[in-house]
Amino acid sequence: MFERVLTKDDFEKVYPILAQSFPETEVRAKEDQLALIENECYHLYAIKDEEEKRAV
């Protein structure tokens, strides 16, 4: 099930996936991406693994 990424801890688990998923020229800086999480208009979703220890 998709869950919205709302905390810095969840973001830290998801960001490496984002960084690997896009070309360097299209990836936002980590700090910029993290700042967007505080914007209620921005939505980032992830799926947690079965043990809910990491985002996938």
N, C-alpha and C. Protein backbone atom coordinates (compact mmCIF):
# COMPACT_ATOMS: atom_id res chain seq x y z
N MET A 1 0.84 -1.18 0.00
CA MET A 1 0.00 0.00 0.00
C MET A 1 0.89 1.24 0.00
N PHE A 2 0.51 2.20 -0.81
CA PHE A 2 1.26 3.46 -0.86
C PHE A 2 0.97 4.28 0.38
N GLU A 3 2.02 4.88 0.92
CA GLU A 3 1.87 5.78 2.06
C GLU A 3 2.59 7.08 1.74
N ARG A 4 2.01 8.17 2.13
CA ARG A 4 2.62 9.47 1.89
C ARG A 4 3.84 9.64 2.80
N VAL A 5 4.90 10.13 2.21
CA VAL A 5 6.13 10.39 2.96
C VAL A 5 5.96 11.76 3.61
N LEU A 6 5.90 11.76 4.94
CA LEU A 6 5.65 13.00 5.68
C LEU A 6 6.74 13.34 6.68
N THR A 7 7.61 12.40 6.98
CA THR A 7 8.64 12.66 7.99
C THR A 7 10.03 12.62 7.38
N LYS A 8 10.97 13.24 8.08
CA LYS A 8 12.35 13.23 7.62
C LYS A 8 12.89 11.80 7.61
N ASP A 9 12.52 11.00 8.61
CA ASP A 9 12.99 9.61 8.66
C ASP A 9 12.54 8.83 7.43
N ASP A 10 11.27 8.97 7.07
CA ASP A 10 10.77 8.28 5.87
C ASP A 10 11.47 8.82 4.62
N PHE A 11 11.67 10.12 4.57
CA PHE A 11 12.35 10.73 3.43
C PHE A 11 13.75 10.16 3.27
N GLU A 12 14.47 10.00 4.37
CA GLU A 12 15.84 9.47 4.32
C GLU A 12 15.86 8.06 3.72
N LYS A 13 14.80 7.31 3.91
CA LYS A 13 14.70 5.97 3.34
C LYS A 13 14.38 6.00 1.85
N VAL A 14 13.63 7.00 1.43
CA VAL A 14 13.16 7.08 0.06
C VAL A 14 14.13 7.81 -0.87
N TYR A 15 14.83 8.79 -0.36
CA TYR A 15 15.66 9.63 -1.23
C TYR A 15 16.68 8.84 -2.06
N PRO A 16 17.37 7.84 -1.51
CA PRO A 16 18.31 7.09 -2.35
C PRO A 16 17.64 6.47 -3.59
N ILE A 17 16.40 6.06 -3.44
CA ILE A 17 15.67 5.50 -4.58
C ILE A 17 15.40 6.60 -5.61
N LEU A 18 14.99 7.78 -5.13
CA LEU A 18 14.77 8.91 -6.04
C LEU A 18 16.06 9.27 -6.78
N ALA A 19 17.14 9.34 -6.06
CA ALA A 19 18.43 9.73 -6.65
C ALA A 19 18.87 8.76 -7.73
N GLN A 20 18.57 7.49 -7.56
CA GLN A 20 18.96 6.48 -8.55
C GLN A 20 17.99 6.38 -9.71
N SER A 21 16.80 6.93 -9.54
CA SER A 21 15.74 6.76 -10.53
C SER A 21 15.73 7.81 -11.63
N PHE A 22 16.47 8.87 -11.44
CA PHE A 22 16.46 9.97 -12.39
C PHE A 22 17.88 10.32 -12.81
N PRO A 23 18.04 10.87 -14.02
CA PRO A 23 19.37 11.35 -14.43
C PRO A 23 19.83 12.47 -13.49
N GLU A 24 21.13 12.62 -13.33
CA GLU A 24 21.67 13.64 -12.42
C GLU A 24 21.11 15.03 -12.70
N THR A 25 20.86 15.32 -13.96
CA THR A 25 20.37 16.66 -14.32
C THR A 25 18.92 16.88 -13.91
N GLU A 26 18.20 15.83 -13.54
CA GLU A 26 16.79 15.95 -13.18
C GLU A 26 16.52 15.74 -11.69
N VAL A 27 17.51 15.32 -10.93
CA VAL A 27 17.32 15.05 -9.50
C VAL A 27 17.46 16.36 -8.73
N ARG A 28 16.49 16.64 -7.88
CA ARG A 28 16.60 17.81 -7.01
C ARG A 28 17.65 17.54 -5.94
N ALA A 29 18.28 18.60 -5.47
CA ALA A 29 19.20 18.46 -4.35
C ALA A 29 18.43 17.90 -3.16
N LYS A 30 19.10 17.11 -2.36
CA LYS A 30 18.44 16.46 -1.23
C LYS A 30 17.74 17.48 -0.33
N GLU A 31 18.40 18.58 -0.04
CA GLU A 31 17.83 19.60 0.84
C GLU A 31 16.58 20.22 0.21
N ASP A 32 16.61 20.45 -1.10
CA ASP A 32 15.46 21.03 -1.80
C ASP A 32 14.29 20.06 -1.79
N GLN A 33 14.58 18.80 -2.03
CA GLN A 33 13.53 17.78 -2.03
C GLN A 33 12.90 17.66 -0.64
N LEU A 34 13.73 17.67 0.39
CA LEU A 34 13.24 17.57 1.75
C LEU A 34 12.35 18.76 2.11
N ALA A 35 12.71 19.93 1.65
CA ALA A 35 11.91 21.13 1.92
C ALA A 35 10.52 21.01 1.31
N LEU A 36 10.40 20.33 0.19
CA LEU A 36 9.10 20.18 -0.45
C LEU A 36 8.12 19.36 0.38
N ILE A 37 8.62 18.46 1.20
CA ILE A 37 7.75 17.60 2.01
C ILE A 37 6.88 18.45 2.94
N GLU A 38 7.38 19.61 3.32
CA GLU A 38 6.61 20.48 4.20
C GLU A 38 5.51 21.25 3.47
N ASN A 39 5.54 21.21 2.15
CA ASN A 39 4.54 21.90 1.33
C ASN A 39 3.32 20.99 1.17
N GLU A 40 2.17 21.44 1.63
CA GLU A 40 0.97 20.59 1.59
C GLU A 40 0.51 20.27 0.17
N CYS A 41 0.99 21.01 -0.81
CA CYS A 41 0.62 20.75 -2.21
C CYS A 41 1.51 19.68 -2.84
N TYR A 42 2.60 19.35 -2.21
CA TYR A 42 3.54 18.36 -2.73
C TYR A 42 3.26 17.01 -2.07
N HIS A 43 3.18 15.98 -2.87
CA HIS A 43 2.91 14.64 -2.35
C HIS A 43 3.96 13.68 -2.87
N LEU A 44 4.59 12.97 -1.97
CA LEU A 44 5.56 11.93 -2.30
C LEU A 44 5.08 10.66 -1.61
N TYR A 45 4.93 9.61 -2.38
CA TYR A 45 4.43 8.35 -1.83
C TYR A 45 5.48 7.26 -1.98
N ALA A 46 5.43 6.30 -1.06
CA ALA A 46 6.33 5.15 -1.11
C ALA A 46 5.58 3.92 -0.63
N ILE A 47 6.13 2.78 -0.93
CA ILE A 47 5.59 1.51 -0.46
C ILE A 47 6.60 0.95 0.53
N LYS A 48 6.14 0.58 1.71
CA LYS A 48 7.03 -0.04 2.69
C LYS A 48 7.08 -1.53 2.46
N ASP A 49 8.24 -2.12 2.75
CA ASP A 49 8.34 -3.57 2.60
C ASP A 49 7.50 -4.26 3.68
N GLU A 50 7.42 -5.55 3.62
CA GLU A 50 6.54 -6.30 4.52
C GLU A 50 6.88 -6.08 5.99
N GLU A 51 8.14 -5.87 6.29
CA GLU A 51 8.54 -5.64 7.67
C GLU A 51 8.50 -4.16 8.04
N GLU A 52 8.15 -3.33 7.09
CA GLU A 52 8.04 -1.89 7.26
C GLU A 52 9.31 -1.27 7.82
N LYS A 53 10.45 -1.80 7.39
CA LYS A 53 11.73 -1.27 7.83
C LYS A 53 12.36 -0.36 6.79
N ARG A 54 11.89 -0.45 5.56
CA ARG A 54 12.48 0.41 4.52
C ARG A 54 11.44 0.67 3.45
N ALA A 55 11.62 1.76 2.77
CA ALA A 55 10.71 2.10 1.68
C ALA A 55 11.22 1.44 0.40
N VAL A 56 10.29 1.03 -0.43
CA VAL A 56 10.67 0.42 -1.70
C VAL A 56 9.92 1.09 -2.84
